[in-house]
Amino acid sequence: MSATVVFRPPVAEGDGVSSLRVVKLGAHIGARMDGIDLDGTLGPATVSAINDALLEHKVIFFRGQHHLDDDGQLAFARLLGTPTRAHPTVTSRGERILPIDSRYDKANSWHTDVTFVDRIPKASLLRAVTLPEYGGTTTWASTEAAYDQLPEPLRALVENLWAVHTNQYDYAADYDGRHDDLADSERQYRDEFVSEYYETEHPVVRVHPETGNRVLLLGHFIKQFVGLSSAESATLFQLLQSRVIKLENTIRWSWEPGDLAIWDNRATQHYAVADYDDQYRRLSRITLAGDVPVDVHGRRSRAIAGDASRYSEVVPPIALAG
């Protein structure tokens, strides 16, 4: 049976809600928030309750938000943080809102968004627009739970390990030799994705800026671990990544019209399941600016190539929760 926690924030003018019901969906990740219509007029107490739920559950879902359009989604997003540009390199499809459009890319690989820049986003808000008749689910994994479950010898290793992230990894590794077989729209999207080169060194373990908890920073944008060979990096990556995506650390969401999901990009990976054949699928994504990751020794991530200042501000972390 699902566990339900009821938030009862003080009702301020324009709040529009007297209570939020938070239904926990998994032991390590995932919750649904009921009893609220999202918009840009929610009061501070309600916004704080939503952010608290996000920190605790890593990804939160809202059903029945049929009233939202792109403008309404953006207005609500601004209550939770500072929106980035739609994407560091994919700039042809929108300024603030990135269409997640199956005609261009299906993102069916485990990743944390935009880790190839130094200022990793805080969170993303994804709203269903057009859904296939079947399939098209999205799965999230808790990188905090994965760290917590590491045996001590692996913790000692990863807390002193850094990795090179680049926006060329995705295509160089997964699509080599098939570029000529792609549809024009998909080829143009991938060419735009790598039109400006980014490379950043991040710690494999970062300290979450709001909770103070330690999380693993991995995903498909990793090119290589610093100081290790390509072969050694691939072996170690698979070992660590398999712990992140252990089924007990994941939540899988079946989208319905009117759904909106928010995930903590600093403590999760996600995977869009491409099991809907050639049906059309489109969602609208807004990303919130974050800070530069810091490792357990206080060292900050380092940008090697590419200037992300046009993409996103660096937003200082707020005081630790609790």
C-alpha atoms as a PDB file:
ATOM      1  CA  MET A   1       0.000   0.000   0.000  1.00  0.00           C
ATOM      2  CA  SER A   2       1.284   3.475  -0.863  1.00  0.00           C
ATOM      3  CA  ALA A   3       2.351   5.696   2.023  1.00  0.00           C
ATOM      4  CA  THR A   4       0.694   9.109   2.051  1.00  0.00           C
ATOM      5  CA  VAL A   5       2.114  12.197   3.732  1.00  0.00           C
ATOM      6  CA  VAL A   6      -0.055  15.310   3.951  1.00  0.00           C
ATOM      7  CA  PHE A   7       1.539  18.746   3.819  1.00  0.00           C
ATOM      8  CA  ARG A   8      -0.597  21.498   5.312  1.00  0.00           C
ATOM      9  CA  PRO A   9       1.211  24.725   4.490  1.00  0.00           C
ATOM     10  CA  PRO A  10      -0.243  28.043   5.646  1.00  0.00           C
ATOM     11  CA  VAL A  11      -2.555  29.378   2.957  1.00  0.00           C
ATOM     12  CA  ALA A  12      -1.393  32.717   1.603  1.00  0.00           C
ATOM     13  CA  GLU A  13      -3.222  34.930  -0.826  1.00  0.00           C
ATOM     14  CA  GLY A  14      -2.900  33.430  -4.308  1.00  0.00           C
ATOM     15  CA  ASP A  15      -1.802  30.076  -2.898  1.00  0.00           C
ATOM     16  CA  GLY A  16      -4.825  28.271  -4.264  1.00  0.00           C
ATOM     17  CA  VAL A  17      -4.408  25.152  -2.120  1.00  0.00           C
ATOM     18  CA  SER A  18      -4.982  24.242   1.509  1.00  0.00           C
ATOM     19  CA  SER A  19      -3.120  20.920   1.551  1.00  0.00           C
ATOM     20  CA  LEU A  20      -0.830  18.799  -0.579  1.00  0.00           C
ATOM     21  CA  ARG A  21      -1.028  15.021  -0.480  1.00  0.00           C
ATOM     22  CA  VAL A  22       2.274  13.298  -1.168  1.00  0.00           C
ATOM     23  CA  VAL A  23       1.953   9.635  -2.118  1.00  0.00           C
ATOM     24  CA  LYS A  24       5.240   7.775  -1.887  1.00  0.00           C
ATOM     25  CA  LEU A  25       5.751   5.415  -4.831  1.00  0.00           C
ATOM     26  CA  GLY A  26       9.027   3.675  -4.011  1.00  0.00           C
ATOM     27  CA  ALA A  27      11.421   3.112  -1.133  1.00  0.00           C
ATOM     28  CA  HIS A  28      14.247   5.126  -2.674  1.00  0.00           C
ATOM     29  CA  ILE A  29      12.679   7.328  -5.332  1.00  0.00           C
ATOM     30  CA  GLY A  30       9.370   8.678  -6.572  1.00  0.00           C
ATOM     31  CA  ALA A  31       6.230  10.331  -5.220  1.00  0.00           C
ATOM     32  CA  ARG A  32       2.972  11.674  -6.615  1.00  0.00           C
ATOM     33  CA  MET A  33       1.629  15.009  -5.378  1.00  0.00           C
ATOM     34  CA  ASP A  34      -2.152  15.352  -5.384  1.00  0.00           C
ATOM     35  CA  GLY A  35      -4.572  18.150  -4.625  1.00  0.00           C
ATOM     36  CA  ILE A  36      -2.937  21.043  -6.450  1.00  0.00           C
ATOM     37  CA  ASP A  37      -3.260  22.962  -9.707  1.00  0.00           C
ATOM     38  CA  LEU A  38       0.172  24.173 -10.738  1.00  0.00           C
ATOM     39  CA  ASP A  39       0.585  27.750 -11.959  1.00  0.00           C
ATOM     40  CA  GLY A  40       2.696  30.842 -11.423  1.00  0.00           C
ATOM     41  CA  THR A  41       0.633  32.191  -8.510  1.00  0.00           C
ATOM     42  CA  LEU A  42       1.363  29.550  -5.863  1.00  0.00           C
ATOM     43  CA  GLY A  43       2.445  30.974  -2.525  1.00  0.00           C
ATOM     44  CA  PRO A  44       5.880  30.521  -0.919  1.00  0.00           C
ATOM     45  CA  ALA A  45       4.736  27.869   1.568  1.00  0.00           C
ATOM     46  CA  THR A  46       3.358  25.654  -1.188  1.00  0.00           C
ATOM     47  CA  VAL A  47       6.444  26.137  -3.371  1.00  0.00           C
ATOM     48  CA  SER A  48       8.634  25.247  -0.405  1.00  0.00           C
ATOM     49  CA  ALA A  49       6.590  22.077   0.211  1.00  0.00           C
ATOM     50  CA  ILE A  50       7.028  21.068  -3.436  1.00  0.00           C
ATOM     51  CA  ASN A  51      10.782  21.662  -3.265  1.00  0.00           C
ATOM     52  CA  ASP A  52      11.020  19.691  -0.006  1.00  0.00           C
ATOM     53  CA  ALA A  53       9.192  16.768  -1.627  1.00  0.00           C
ATOM     54  CA  LEU A  54      11.542  16.967  -4.607  1.00  0.00           C
ATOM     55  CA  LEU A  55      14.595  16.759  -2.366  1.00  0.00           C
ATOM     56  CA  GLU A  56      13.182  13.799  -0.451  1.00  0.00           C
ATOM     57  CA  HIS A  57      11.738  11.769  -3.322  1.00  0.00           C
ATOM     58  CA  LYS A  58      14.055  12.867  -6.192  1.00  0.00           C
ATOM     59  CA  VAL A  59      11.253  12.836  -8.784  1.00  0.00           C
ATOM     60  CA  ILE A  60       7.669  13.974  -8.206  1.00  0.00           C
ATOM     61  CA  PHE A  61       4.630  13.623 -10.456  1.00  0.00           C
ATOM     62  CA  PHE A  62       1.486  15.710 -10.860  1.00  0.00           C
ATOM     63  CA  ARG A  63      -1.588  14.321 -12.611  1.00  0.00           C
ATOM     64  CA  GLY A  64      -4.389  16.334 -14.192  1.00  0.00           C
ATOM     65  CA  GLN A  65      -2.526  19.531 -15.077  1.00  0.00           C
ATOM     66  CA  HIS A  66      -4.557  19.949 -18.280  1.00  0.00           C
ATOM     67  CA  HIS A  67      -4.743  23.720 -17.824  1.00  0.00           C
ATOM     68  CA  LEU A  68      -0.999  24.172 -18.314  1.00  0.00           C
ATOM     69  CA  ASP A  69       0.462  25.364 -21.592  1.00  0.00           C
ATOM     70  CA  ASP A  70       4.084  26.333 -22.251  1.00  0.00           C
ATOM     71  CA  ASP A  71       3.615  29.788 -20.697  1.00  0.00           C
ATOM     72  CA  GLY A  72       1.944  28.354 -17.593  1.00  0.00           C
ATOM     73  CA  GLN A  73       4.647  25.716 -17.223  1.00  0.00           C
ATOM     74  CA  LEU A  74       7.327  28.411 -17.459  1.00  0.00           C
ATOM     75  CA  ALA A  75       5.564  30.639 -14.918  1.00  0.00           C
ATOM     76  CA  PHE A  76       5.397  27.756 -12.440  1.00  0.00           C
ATOM     77  CA  ALA A  77       9.021  26.780 -13.120  1.00  0.00           C
ATOM     78  CA  ARG A  78      10.175  30.286 -12.202  1.00  0.00           C
ATOM     79  CA  LEU A  79       8.777  29.788  -8.703  1.00  0.00           C
ATOM     80  CA  LEU A  80      11.171  26.866  -8.182  1.00  0.00           C
ATOM     81  CA  GLY A  81      14.287  28.392  -9.698  1.00  0.00           C
ATOM     82  CA  THR A  82      15.930  30.209 -12.582  1.00  0.00           C
ATOM     83  CA  PRO A  83      15.203  28.718 -16.031  1.00  0.00           C
ATOM     84  CA  THR A  84      18.169  28.036 -18.269  1.00  0.00           C
ATOM     85  CA  ARG A  85      18.115  28.402 -22.014  1.00  0.00           C
ATOM     86  CA  ALA A  86      16.505  25.379 -23.599  1.00  0.00           C
ATOM     87  CA  HIS A  87      19.864  23.683 -24.285  1.00  0.00           C
ATOM     88  CA  PRO A  88      23.558  24.631 -24.530  1.00  0.00           C
ATOM     89  CA  THR A  89      23.847  23.671 -28.214  1.00  0.00           C
ATOM     90  CA  VAL A  90      20.360  22.804 -29.509  1.00  0.00           C
ATOM     91  CA  THR A  91      19.082  26.355 -29.947  1.00  0.00           C
ATOM     92  CA  SER A  92      16.904  26.051 -33.056  1.00  0.00           C
ATOM     93  CA  ARG A  93      13.782  24.682 -31.366  1.00  0.00           C
ATOM     94  CA  GLY A  94      13.084  27.163 -28.597  1.00  0.00           C
ATOM     95  CA  GLU A  95      14.601  29.703 -26.241  1.00  0.00           C
ATOM     96  CA  ARG A  96      13.412  28.465 -22.823  1.00  0.00           C
ATOM     97  CA  ILE A  97      11.414  25.308 -23.587  1.00  0.00           C
ATOM     98  CA  LEU A  98      12.971  22.273 -25.248  1.00  0.00           C
ATOM     99  CA  PRO A  99      10.551  20.036 -27.149  1.00  0.00           C
ATOM    100  CA  ILE A 100      11.313  16.394 -26.378  1.00  0.00           C
ATOM    101  CA  ASP A 101      10.266  15.248 -29.822  1.00  0.00           C
ATOM    102  CA  SER A 102      10.522  11.642 -31.014  1.00  0.00           C
ATOM    103  CA  ARG A 103      11.202  12.779 -34.597  1.00  0.00           C
ATOM    104  CA  TYR A 104      14.648  13.999 -33.524  1.00  0.00           C
ATOM    105  CA  ASP A 105      15.870  11.914 -30.624  1.00  0.00           C
ATOM    106  CA  LYS A 106      14.470   9.382 -28.168  1.00  0.00           C
ATOM    107  CA  ALA A 107      17.045   9.765 -25.348  1.00  0.00           C
ATOM    108  CA  ASN A 108      16.849   6.051 -24.627  1.00  0.00           C
ATOM    109  CA  SER A 109      20.061   5.899 -22.645  1.00  0.00           C
ATOM    110  CA  TRP A 110      20.712   6.456 -18.945  1.00  0.00           C
ATOM    111  CA  HIS A 111      21.890  10.004 -18.295  1.00  0.00           C
ATOM    112  CA  THR A 112      21.820  13.051 -16.075  1.00  0.00           C
ATOM    113  CA  ASP A 113      20.971  16.117 -18.124  1.00  0.00           C
ATOM    114  CA  VAL A 114      23.735  18.332 -19.521  1.00  0.00           C
ATOM    115  CA  THR A 115      26.616  17.028 -17.380  1.00  0.00           C
ATOM    116  CA  PHE A 116      29.052  18.090 -20.091  1.00  0.00           C
ATOM    117  CA  VAL A 117      28.905  21.684 -18.759  1.00  0.00           C
ATOM    118  CA  ASP A 118      30.333  22.842 -15.436  1.00  0.00           C
ATOM    119  CA  ARG A 119      27.018  24.188 -14.039  1.00  0.00           C
ATOM    120  CA  ILE A 120      24.837  21.102 -13.919  1.00  0.00           C
ATOM    121  CA  PRO A 121      21.122  22.004 -13.815  1.00  0.00           C
ATOM    122  CA  LYS A 122      19.209  21.792 -10.547  1.00  0.00           C
ATOM    123  CA  ALA A 123      16.039  20.241 -11.923  1.00  0.00           C
ATOM    124  CA  SER A 124      13.843  19.768 -14.971  1.00  0.00           C
ATOM    125  CA  LEU A 125      10.081  20.021 -15.435  1.00  0.00           C
ATOM    126  CA  LEU A 126       8.638  17.771 -18.148  1.00  0.00           C
ATOM    127  CA  ARG A 127       5.018  18.076 -19.335  1.00  0.00           C
ATOM    128  CA  ALA A 128       3.185  15.609 -21.562  1.00  0.00           C
ATOM    129  CA  VAL A 129       1.914  17.179 -24.809  1.00  0.00           C
ATOM    130  CA  THR A 130       1.358  14.316 -27.277  1.00  0.00           C
ATOM    131  CA  LEU A 131       1.581  10.696 -26.173  1.00  0.00           C
ATOM    132  CA  PRO A 132       1.653   7.398 -28.069  1.00  0.00           C
ATOM    133  CA  GLU A 133      -1.186   4.915 -27.614  1.00  0.00           C
ATOM    134  CA  TYR A 134       1.220   2.537 -25.900  1.00  0.00           C
ATOM    135  CA  GLY A 135       4.737   2.670 -24.504  1.00  0.00           C
ATOM    136  CA  GLY A 136       6.757   5.844 -24.070  1.00  0.00           C
ATOM    137  CA  THR A 137       7.326   5.534 -20.327  1.00  0.00           C
ATOM    138  CA  THR A 138      10.226   7.241 -18.522  1.00  0.00           C
ATOM    139  CA  THR A 139      12.339   5.715 -15.769  1.00  0.00           C
ATOM    140  CA  TRP A 140      14.359   7.564 -13.122  1.00  0.00           C
ATOM    141  CA  ALA A 141      17.097   6.204 -10.835  1.00  0.00           C
ATOM    142  CA  SER A 142      18.361   7.563  -7.512  1.00  0.00           C
ATOM    143  CA  THR A 143      22.091   8.264  -7.574  1.00  0.00           C
ATOM    144  CA  GLU A 144      21.912   8.977  -3.842  1.00  0.00           C
ATOM    145  CA  ALA A 145      20.634   5.488  -3.070  1.00  0.00           C
ATOM    146  CA  ALA A 146      23.344   4.050  -5.324  1.00  0.00           C
ATOM    147  CA  TYR A 147      26.054   5.854  -3.357  1.00  0.00           C
ATOM    148  CA  ASP A 148      24.553   4.868  -0.004  1.00  0.00           C
ATOM    149  CA  GLN A 149      24.631   1.196  -1.017  1.00  0.00           C
ATOM    150  CA  LEU A 150      28.310   1.166  -2.013  1.00  0.00           C
ATOM    151  CA  PRO A 151      30.626  -1.020   0.077  1.00  0.00           C
ATOM    152  CA  GLU A 152      33.394   0.890   1.833  1.00  0.00           C
ATOM    153  CA  PRO A 153      36.206  -0.114  -0.585  1.00  0.00           C
ATOM    154  CA  LEU A 154      34.232   1.279  -3.541  1.00  0.00           C
ATOM    155  CA  ARG A 155      33.367   4.455  -1.614  1.00  0.00           C
ATOM    156  CA  ALA A 156      37.055   5.047  -0.941  1.00  0.00           C
ATOM    157  CA  LEU A 157      37.738   4.722  -4.671  1.00  0.00           C
ATOM    158  CA  VAL A 158      34.929   6.860  -6.071  1.00  0.00           C
ATOM    159  CA  GLU A 159      35.291   9.674  -3.537  1.00  0.00           C
ATOM    160  CA  ASN A 160      38.711  10.375  -5.049  1.00  0.00           C
ATOM    161  CA  LEU A 161      37.725   9.729  -8.668  1.00  0.00           C
ATOM    162  CA  TRP A 162      36.956  12.286 -11.375  1.00  0.00           C
ATOM    163  CA  ALA A 163      35.486  11.830 -14.852  1.00  0.00           C
ATOM    164  CA  VAL A 164      35.585  13.678 -18.156  1.00  0.00           C
ATOM    165  CA  HIS A 165      32.111  14.478 -19.531  1.00  0.00           C
ATOM    166  CA  THR A 166      31.598  15.606 -23.132  1.00  0.00           C
ATOM    167  CA  ASN A 167      28.644  16.242 -25.432  1.00  0.00           C
ATOM    168  CA  GLN A 168      30.288  14.119 -28.132  1.00  0.00           C
ATOM    169  CA  TYR A 169      30.225  10.913 -26.107  1.00  0.00           C
ATOM    170  CA  ASP A 170      26.585  10.118 -26.869  1.00  0.00           C
ATOM    171  CA  TYR A 171      26.978   9.990 -30.625  1.00  0.00           C
ATOM    172  CA  ALA A 172      30.575   8.828 -30.923  1.00  0.00           C
ATOM    173  CA  ALA A 173      29.854   5.788 -28.761  1.00  0.00           C
ATOM    174  CA  ASP A 174      26.295   4.834 -29.622  1.00  0.00           C
ATOM    175  CA  TYR A 175      25.809   5.878 -33.232  1.00  0.00           C
ATOM    176  CA  ASP A 176      29.140   5.269 -34.964  1.00  0.00           C
ATOM    177  CA  GLY A 177      28.674   3.901 -38.453  1.00  0.00           C
ATOM    178  CA  ARG A 178      24.927   4.579 -38.620  1.00  0.00           C
ATOM    179  CA  HIS A 179      24.950   8.323 -39.278  1.00  0.00           C
ATOM    180  CA  ASP A 180      24.175   7.868 -42.965  1.00  0.00           C
ATOM    181  CA  ASP A 181      21.090   5.776 -42.150  1.00  0.00           C
ATOM    182  CA  LEU A 182      19.451   8.453 -39.991  1.00  0.00           C
ATOM    183  CA  ALA A 183      16.435  10.485 -41.065  1.00  0.00           C
ATOM    184  CA  ASP A 184      17.322  14.033 -42.071  1.00  0.00           C
ATOM    185  CA  SER A 185      15.607  15.500 -38.998  1.00  0.00           C
ATOM    186  CA  GLU A 186      17.474  13.170 -36.650  1.00  0.00           C
ATOM    187  CA  ARG A 187      20.811  13.790 -38.371  1.00  0.00           C
ATOM    188  CA  GLN A 188      20.312  17.557 -38.196  1.00  0.00           C
ATOM    189  CA  TYR A 189      19.477  17.335 -34.492  1.00  0.00           C
ATOM    190  CA  ARG A 190      22.600  15.315 -33.709  1.00  0.00           C
ATOM    191  CA  ASP A 191      24.782  17.621 -35.783  1.00  0.00           C
ATOM    192  CA  GLU A 192      23.400  20.580 -33.859  1.00  0.00           C
ATOM    193  CA  PHE A 193      23.929  18.765 -30.557  1.00  0.00           C
ATOM    194  CA  VAL A 194      27.690  18.573 -31.206  1.00  0.00           C
ATOM    195  CA  SER A 195      27.964  21.887 -33.053  1.00  0.00           C
ATOM    196  CA  GLU A 196      29.867  23.394 -30.109  1.00  0.00           C
ATOM    197  CA  TYR A 197      32.237  21.186 -28.143  1.00  0.00           C
ATOM    198  CA  TYR A 198      31.961  20.977 -24.353  1.00  0.00           C
ATOM    199  CA  GLU A 199      34.216  19.061 -21.989  1.00  0.00           C
ATOM    200  CA  THR A 200      34.154  19.187 -18.192  1.00  0.00           C
ATOM    201  CA  GLU A 201      35.835  17.286 -15.385  1.00  0.00           C
ATOM    202  CA  HIS A 202      33.404  16.378 -12.590  1.00  0.00           C
ATOM    203  CA  PRO A 203      33.871  14.428  -9.366  1.00  0.00           C
ATOM    204  CA  VAL A 204      32.262  10.985  -9.448  1.00  0.00           C
ATOM    205  CA  VAL A 205      30.865  11.748  -5.994  1.00  0.00           C
ATOM    206  CA  ARG A 206      29.391  15.199  -5.461  1.00  0.00           C
ATOM    207  CA  VAL A 207      27.887  16.709  -2.342  1.00  0.00           C
ATOM    208  CA  HIS A 208      24.278  17.698  -2.960  1.00  0.00           C
ATOM    209  CA  PRO A 209      24.091  21.478  -2.416  1.00  0.00           C
ATOM    210  CA  GLU A 210      20.700  21.463  -0.669  1.00  0.00           C
ATOM    211  CA  THR A 211      20.694  18.242   1.358  1.00  0.00           C
ATOM    212  CA  GLY A 212      24.412  17.731   1.988  1.00  0.00           C
ATOM    213  CA  ASN A 213      24.040  14.084   0.946  1.00  0.00           C
ATOM    214  CA  ARG A 214      26.526  12.380  -1.334  1.00  0.00           C
ATOM    215  CA  VAL A 215      25.461  11.230  -4.795  1.00  0.00           C
ATOM    216  CA  LEU A 216      27.099   9.519  -7.761  1.00  0.00           C
ATOM    217  CA  LEU A 217      27.639  11.660 -10.854  1.00  0.00           C
ATOM    218  CA  LEU A 218      27.745   9.317 -13.850  1.00  0.00           C
ATOM    219  CA  GLY A 219      25.608   8.841 -16.996  1.00  0.00           C
ATOM    220  CA  HIS A 220      26.243   8.468 -20.715  1.00  0.00           C
ATOM    221  CA  PHE A 221      28.126  11.739 -21.199  1.00  0.00           C
ATOM    222  CA  ILE A 222      31.180  10.289 -19.434  1.00  0.00           C
ATOM    223  CA  LYS A 223      34.072   9.839 -21.846  1.00  0.00           C
ATOM    224  CA  GLN A 224      36.705   8.525 -19.446  1.00  0.00           C
ATOM    225  CA  PHE A 225      37.773   8.550 -15.810  1.00  0.00           C
ATOM    226  CA  VAL A 226      40.716  10.831 -15.099  1.00  0.00           C
ATOM    227  CA  GLY A 227      43.938   8.829 -14.799  1.00  0.00           C
ATOM    228  CA  LEU A 228      42.469   5.594 -16.174  1.00  0.00           C
ATOM    229  CA  SER A 229      42.705   4.110 -19.650  1.00  0.00           C
ATOM    230  CA  SER A 230      39.695   3.785 -21.922  1.00  0.00           C
ATOM    231  CA  ALA A 231      39.415   0.055 -21.206  1.00  0.00           C
ATOM    232  CA  GLU A 232      39.724   0.555 -17.445  1.00  0.00           C
ATOM    233  CA  SER A 233      37.195   3.394 -17.592  1.00  0.00           C
ATOM    234  CA  ALA A 234      34.655   1.282 -19.463  1.00  0.00           C
ATOM    235  CA  THR A 235      34.932  -1.573 -16.966  1.00  0.00           C
ATOM    236  CA  LEU A 236      34.628   0.676 -13.926  1.00  0.00           C
ATOM    237  CA  PHE A 237      31.795   2.660 -15.477  1.00  0.00           C
ATOM    238  CA  GLN A 238      29.727  -0.490 -15.977  1.00  0.00           C
ATOM    239  CA  LEU A 239      30.380  -1.591 -12.403  1.00  0.00           C
ATOM    240  CA  LEU A 240      29.191   1.735 -10.949  1.00  0.00           C
ATOM    241  CA  GLN A 241      26.388   2.348 -13.427  1.00  0.00           C
ATOM    242  CA  SER A 242      24.875  -1.064 -12.726  1.00  0.00           C
ATOM    243  CA  ARG A 243      24.439   0.002  -9.099  1.00  0.00           C
ATOM    244  CA  VAL A 244      22.650   3.206 -10.116  1.00  0.00           C
ATOM    245  CA  ILE A 245      20.096   1.464 -12.317  1.00  0.00           C
ATOM    246  CA  LYS A 246      19.397  -1.444  -9.976  1.00  0.00           C
ATOM    247  CA  LEU A 247      15.621  -1.873 -10.221  1.00  0.00           C
ATOM    248  CA  GLU A 248      15.072  -1.209  -6.518  1.00  0.00           C
ATOM    249  CA  ASN A 249      16.604   2.260  -7.042  1.00  0.00           C
ATOM    250  CA  THR A 250      14.282   3.185  -9.920  1.00  0.00           C
ATOM    251  CA  ILE A 251      10.742   4.383 -10.601  1.00  0.00           C
ATOM    252  CA  ARG A 252       8.990   3.987 -13.969  1.00  0.00           C
ATOM    253  CA  TRP A 253       6.227   6.407 -14.931  1.00  0.00           C
ATOM    254  CA  SER A 254       3.440   5.721 -17.418  1.00  0.00           C
ATOM    255  CA  TRP A 255       2.488   9.100 -18.840  1.00  0.00           C
ATOM    256  CA  GLU A 256      -1.096  10.317 -19.125  1.00  0.00           C
ATOM    257  CA  PRO A 257      -2.383  13.538 -20.721  1.00  0.00           C
ATOM    258  CA  GLY A 258      -2.032  16.408 -18.243  1.00  0.00           C
ATOM    259  CA  ASP A 259       0.970  14.891 -16.424  1.00  0.00           C
ATOM    260  CA  LEU A 260       3.937  16.940 -15.272  1.00  0.00           C
ATOM    261  CA  ALA A 261       7.096  15.485 -13.709  1.00  0.00           C
ATOM    262  CA  ILE A 262       9.865  17.307 -11.856  1.00  0.00           C
ATOM    263  CA  TRP A 263      13.165  15.616 -11.097  1.00  0.00           C
ATOM    264  CA  ASP A 264      16.220  16.609  -9.094  1.00  0.00           C
ATOM    265  CA  ASN A 265      18.875  16.472 -11.784  1.00  0.00           C
ATOM    266  CA  ARG A 266      21.604  16.480  -9.132  1.00  0.00           C
ATOM    267  CA  ALA A 267      20.475  13.191  -7.584  1.00  0.00           C
ATOM    268  CA  THR A 268      19.027  11.178 -10.473  1.00  0.00           C
ATOM    269  CA  GLN A 269      19.536   9.663 -13.874  1.00  0.00           C
ATOM    270  CA  HIS A 270      16.691   8.997 -16.305  1.00  0.00           C
ATOM    271  CA  TYR A 271      15.891   6.940 -19.397  1.00  0.00           C
ATOM    272  CA  ALA A 272      13.103   7.457 -21.930  1.00  0.00           C
ATOM    273  CA  VAL A 273      11.913   4.002 -22.947  1.00  0.00           C
ATOM    274  CA  ALA A 274      11.633   3.813 -26.748  1.00  0.00           C
ATOM    275  CA  ASP A 275       8.968   1.097 -26.934  1.00  0.00           C
ATOM    276  CA  TYR A 276       6.265   2.884 -28.948  1.00  0.00           C
ATOM    277  CA  ASP A 277       7.314   2.001 -32.511  1.00  0.00           C
ATOM    278  CA  ASP A 278       6.890   4.905 -34.947  1.00  0.00           C
ATOM    279  CA  GLN A 279       4.156   6.704 -33.009  1.00  0.00           C
ATOM    280  CA  TYR A 280       4.648  10.392 -32.280  1.00  0.00           C
ATOM    281  CA  ARG A 281       5.656  11.438 -28.745  1.00  0.00           C
ATOM    282  CA  ARG A 282       6.250  15.010 -27.598  1.00  0.00           C
ATOM    283  CA  LEU A 283       6.816  16.551 -24.185  1.00  0.00           C
ATOM    284  CA  SER A 284       7.912  20.053 -23.145  1.00  0.00           C
ATOM    285  CA  ARG A 285      10.973  20.402 -20.906  1.00  0.00           C
ATOM    286  CA  ILE A 286      12.056  23.398 -18.847  1.00  0.00           C
ATOM    287  CA  THR A 287      15.377  23.198 -17.021  1.00  0.00           C
ATOM    288  CA  LEU A 288      16.356  25.109 -13.874  1.00  0.00           C
ATOM    289  CA  ALA A 289      19.847  26.475 -13.339  1.00  0.00           C
ATOM    290  CA  GLY A 290      22.112  24.894 -10.761  1.00  0.00           C
ATOM    291  CA  ASP A 291      25.551  25.291  -9.246  1.00  0.00           C
ATOM    292  CA  VAL A 292      29.012  23.913  -9.973  1.00  0.00           C
ATOM    293  CA  PRO A 293      29.438  20.476  -8.318  1.00  0.00           C
ATOM    294  CA  VAL A 294      31.760  20.133  -5.327  1.00  0.00           C
ATOM    295  CA  ASP A 295      33.397  16.883  -4.259  1.00  0.00           C
ATOM    296  CA  VAL A 296      33.738  15.526  -0.725  1.00  0.00           C
ATOM    297  CA  HIS A 297      37.020  17.427  -0.324  1.00  0.00           C
ATOM    298  CA  GLY A 298      35.573  20.772  -1.414  1.00  0.00           C
ATOM    299  CA  ARG A 299      37.032  20.782  -4.945  1.00  0.00           C
ATOM    300  CA  ARG A 300      34.851  22.221  -7.719  1.00  0.00           C
ATOM    301  CA  SER A 301      34.231  20.841 -11.204  1.00  0.00           C
ATOM    302  CA  ARG A 302      36.461  22.218 -13.956  1.00  0.00           C
ATOM    303  CA  ALA A 303      35.392  23.354 -17.425  1.00  0.00           C
ATOM    304  CA  ILE A 304      37.980  22.202 -19.980  1.00  0.00           C
ATOM    305  CA  ALA A 305      36.301  23.323 -23.216  1.00  0.00           C
ATOM    306  CA  GLY A 306      33.175  25.358 -23.989  1.00  0.00           C
ATOM    307  CA  ASP A 307      31.624  28.390 -22.322  1.00  0.00           C
ATOM    308  CA  ALA A 308      28.272  27.595 -20.689  1.00  0.00           C
ATOM    309  CA  SER A 309      27.565  31.142 -19.483  1.00  0.00           C
ATOM    310  CA  ARG A 310      25.124  31.746 -22.347  1.00  0.00           C
ATOM    311  CA  TYR A 311      23.239  28.597 -21.434  1.00  0.00           C
ATOM    312  CA  SER A 312      22.818  29.090 -17.714  1.00  0.00           C
ATOM    313  CA  GLU A 313      23.609  31.210 -14.723  1.00  0.00           C
ATOM    314  CA  VAL A 314      25.436  29.637 -11.814  1.00  0.00           C
ATOM    315  CA  VAL A 315      22.860  29.676  -9.032  1.00  0.00           C
ATOM    316  CA  PRO A 316      24.346  29.462  -5.518  1.00  0.00           C
ATOM    317  CA  PRO A 317      22.866  26.642  -3.454  1.00  0.00           C
ATOM    318  CA  ILE A 318      20.300  27.556  -0.836  1.00  0.00           C
ATOM    319  CA  ALA A 319      20.720  26.661   2.819  1.00  0.00           C
ATOM    320  CA  LEU A 320      20.748  22.941   3.529  1.00  0.00           C
ATOM    321  CA  ALA A 321      17.330  21.414   4.093  1.00  0.00           C
ATOM    322  CA  GLY A 322      16.266  20.570   7.613  1.00  0.00           C
END
